[in-house]
Amino acid sequence: MQISIRTARTEDTEAILDLMVRVINATVELPYRADMIENVTQNLTVWHREPDECFHFIAEDGSKVVGVILVKAFWNLCSLFVRPEWQHNGIGRQLVHAAIDACRDRSPKQAIYLNAAPSAVSFYRGLGFTSKESSQQLPTGFQAMQLALVPATPNPSFKRTRLRRSA
């Protein structure tokens, strides 16, 4: 398994949507599937319409898309999907870390916010996300979460010291 993470391109849209729909159909209860598919489809439309305000990263094994993440406005993590047979291999973690790095100096809120599905709350907590209040009415069991972003700028008080080899 050789996974690579890269920025998605518009020609990846069909593969991204296919992945999202497959994961939704495999993991989401039937009454919620149509709404969720409509939501991810709308998010893809936003990505196409406002490419400078949101981004997708995809995880690939060779040329096969096995994971995807979408962040809108550099603070709203609205989609993270990994094929069920590829889950628990660190792909979601790699995608979230790529998103954090991309948002770090660009987020107007200096944070990333998301609404975690009940099955994903512990995953996000393990990445440092914490619970937050939400003004939205979330589905049962969903949790609003946030991660404060620390700027990537170097600490000016940090001084490099040269290590000397002992003779």
Protein backbone atom coordinates (compact mmCIF):
# COMPACT_ATOMS: atom_id res chain seq x y z
CA MET A 1 0.00 0.00 0.00
CA GLN A 2 1.61 3.24 -1.21
CA ILE A 3 -0.71 6.15 -0.35
CA SER A 4 -0.06 9.63 -1.72
CA ILE A 5 -1.93 12.81 -0.78
CA ARG A 6 -2.39 15.52 -3.38
CA THR A 7 -4.57 18.51 -4.16
CA ALA A 8 -7.63 17.46 -6.11
CA ARG A 9 -8.21 18.76 -9.62
CA THR A 10 -11.54 19.38 -11.32
CA GLU A 11 -11.02 16.28 -13.45
CA ASP A 12 -11.11 14.27 -10.19
CA THR A 13 -14.73 15.29 -9.53
CA GLU A 14 -16.31 12.06 -10.78
CA ALA A 15 -13.95 9.89 -8.70
CA ILE A 16 -14.49 12.10 -5.63
CA LEU A 17 -18.28 11.93 -5.92
CA ASP A 18 -18.15 8.18 -6.56
CA LEU A 19 -16.06 7.68 -3.42
CA MET A 20 -18.36 9.84 -1.28
CA VAL A 21 -21.53 8.09 -2.51
CA ARG A 22 -19.98 4.63 -1.96
CA VAL A 23 -18.97 5.53 1.61
CA ILE A 24 -22.36 7.09 2.38
CA ASN A 25 -24.22 4.05 1.01
CA ALA A 26 -22.00 1.70 3.04
CA THR A 27 -22.02 3.59 6.34
CA VAL A 28 -25.02 5.92 6.67
CA GLU A 29 -28.49 4.80 7.70
CA LEU A 30 -30.95 4.73 4.79
CA PRO A 31 -33.19 7.65 5.88
CA TYR A 32 -30.20 10.04 5.89
CA ARG A 33 -28.41 8.95 2.71
CA ALA A 34 -30.23 11.14 0.17
CA ASP A 35 -29.74 14.31 2.22
CA MET A 36 -26.08 13.54 2.77
CA ILE A 37 -25.47 12.80 -0.92
CA GLU A 38 -27.21 16.07 -1.82
CA ASN A 39 -25.00 17.92 0.69
CA VAL A 40 -21.70 16.52 -0.65
CA THR A 41 -22.85 17.20 -4.22
CA GLN A 42 -23.56 20.82 -3.27
CA ASN A 43 -20.13 21.06 -1.65
CA LEU A 44 -18.53 19.88 -4.89
CA THR A 45 -20.45 22.61 -6.72
CA VAL A 46 -19.15 25.21 -4.25
CA TRP A 47 -15.60 23.93 -4.81
CA HIS A 48 -16.01 24.38 -8.59
CA ARG A 49 -17.65 27.79 -8.24
CA GLU A 50 -15.22 29.18 -5.61
CA PRO A 51 -11.91 27.34 -6.11
CA ASP A 52 -9.91 29.98 -4.24
CA GLU A 53 -12.11 29.64 -1.15
CA CYS A 54 -12.05 25.89 -0.64
CA PHE A 55 -9.99 22.86 -1.45
CA HIS A 56 -10.05 19.11 -1.71
CA PHE A 57 -7.15 16.81 -1.00
CA ILE A 58 -7.36 13.23 -2.18
CA ALA A 59 -5.55 10.13 -1.03
CA GLU A 60 -4.59 7.73 -3.78
CA ASP A 61 -3.23 4.24 -3.99
CA GLY A 62 -1.71 4.37 -7.45
CA SER A 63 -4.49 5.97 -9.48
CA LYS A 64 -7.34 4.79 -7.23
CA VAL A 65 -8.93 7.48 -5.02
CA VAL A 66 -9.31 5.95 -1.55
CA GLY A 67 -9.92 9.09 0.55
CA VAL A 68 -10.95 12.74 0.24
CA ILE A 69 -11.26 15.82 2.43
CA LEU A 70 -12.96 19.16 1.66
CA VAL A 71 -12.46 22.38 3.59
CA LYS A 72 -14.47 25.50 2.72
CA ALA A 73 -13.31 29.05 3.54
CA PHE A 74 -10.15 27.58 5.15
CA TRP A 75 -12.01 26.82 8.40
CA ASN A 76 -15.03 24.61 7.61
CA LEU A 77 -14.04 20.95 7.33
CA CYS A 78 -17.23 19.68 5.70
CA SER A 79 -16.27 16.34 4.17
CA LEU A 80 -13.88 13.56 5.11
CA PHE A 81 -14.39 10.19 3.47
CA VAL A 82 -12.21 7.09 3.33
CA ARG A 83 -13.31 3.90 1.60
CA PRO A 84 -14.43 1.49 4.34
CA GLU A 85 -11.93 -1.19 3.29
CA TRP A 86 -9.11 1.40 3.62
CA GLN A 87 -10.15 2.78 7.00
CA HIS A 88 -7.94 2.29 10.08
CA ASN A 89 -4.77 2.70 7.99
CA GLY A 90 -4.04 6.36 8.87
CA ILE A 91 -5.47 7.79 5.63
CA GLY A 92 -8.06 9.99 7.36
CA ARG A 93 -5.37 11.24 9.75
CA GLN A 94 -3.06 12.11 6.81
CA LEU A 95 -5.88 13.97 5.05
CA VAL A 96 -6.78 15.96 8.18
CA HIS A 97 -3.11 16.87 8.73
CA ALA A 98 -2.86 18.05 5.11
CA ALA A 99 -5.97 20.20 5.63
CA ILE A 100 -4.60 21.64 8.88
CA ASP A 101 -1.36 22.59 7.15
CA ALA A 102 -3.26 24.21 4.26
CA CYS A 103 -5.48 26.23 6.62
CA ARG A 104 -2.92 27.17 9.25
CA ASP A 105 -2.05 30.66 7.96
CA ARG A 106 -5.22 31.18 5.88
CA SER A 107 -8.11 30.56 8.28
CA PRO A 108 -9.88 33.81 9.18
CA LYS A 109 -11.07 32.12 12.37
CA GLN A 110 -7.61 30.74 13.27
CA ALA A 111 -9.39 27.42 13.74
CA ILE A 112 -11.01 24.57 11.87
CA TYR A 113 -14.63 23.75 12.72
CA LEU A 114 -16.63 20.64 11.89
CA ASN A 115 -19.70 18.66 12.85
CA ALA A 116 -18.57 15.12 13.65
CA ALA A 117 -20.77 12.10 13.12
CA PRO A 118 -21.18 10.00 16.27
CA SER A 119 -18.77 7.37 14.94
CA ALA A 120 -16.08 10.01 14.23
CA VAL A 121 -16.02 12.00 17.49
CA SER A 122 -13.24 9.91 19.06
CA PHE A 123 -11.22 10.08 15.82
CA TYR A 124 -11.30 13.88 15.85
CA ARG A 125 -10.60 14.05 19.59
CA GLY A 126 -7.48 11.97 18.93
CA LEU A 127 -6.34 14.66 16.48
CA GLY A 128 -6.77 17.42 19.07
CA PHE A 129 -10.27 18.65 18.22
CA THR A 130 -12.44 19.71 21.15
CA SER A 131 -16.20 20.06 21.58
CA LYS A 132 -17.80 23.45 21.00
CA GLU A 133 -21.25 24.95 21.20
CA SER A 134 -23.22 25.10 17.98
CA SER A 135 -26.03 27.42 16.93
CA GLN A 136 -27.09 24.78 14.38
CA GLN A 137 -29.56 22.01 15.07
CA LEU A 138 -27.35 18.95 14.54
CA PRO A 139 -28.58 15.42 13.91
CA THR A 140 -28.79 13.21 16.98
CA GLY A 141 -25.35 12.24 18.26
CA PHE A 142 -23.44 14.71 16.07
CA GLN A 143 -20.92 16.91 17.86
CA ALA A 144 -19.70 20.38 16.86
CA MET A 145 -15.92 20.43 17.22
CA GLN A 146 -13.00 22.79 16.69
CA LEU A 147 -9.24 22.80 16.46
CA ALA A 148 -7.28 26.00 17.16
CA LEU A 149 -4.65 26.61 14.52
CA VAL A 150 -1.19 27.61 15.64
CA PRO A 151 0.57 29.81 13.06
CA ALA A 152 3.39 28.13 11.18
CA THR A 153 5.65 31.18 11.50
CA PRO A 154 8.92 30.47 13.26
CA ASN A 155 9.39 31.53 16.85
CA PRO A 156 11.77 34.55 16.83
CA SER A 157 13.07 33.71 20.29
CA PHE A 158 14.22 30.28 19.12
CA LYS A 159 17.91 30.23 18.39
CA ARG A 160 19.63 27.44 16.55
CA THR A 161 22.70 26.12 18.19
CA ARG A 162 25.35 24.27 16.37
CA LEU A 163 26.15 20.89 17.81
CA ARG A 164 29.79 20.04 17.95
CA ARG A 165 31.05 16.57 17.47
CA SER A 166 33.02 15.22 20.31
CA ALA A 167 36.51 14.20 19.31
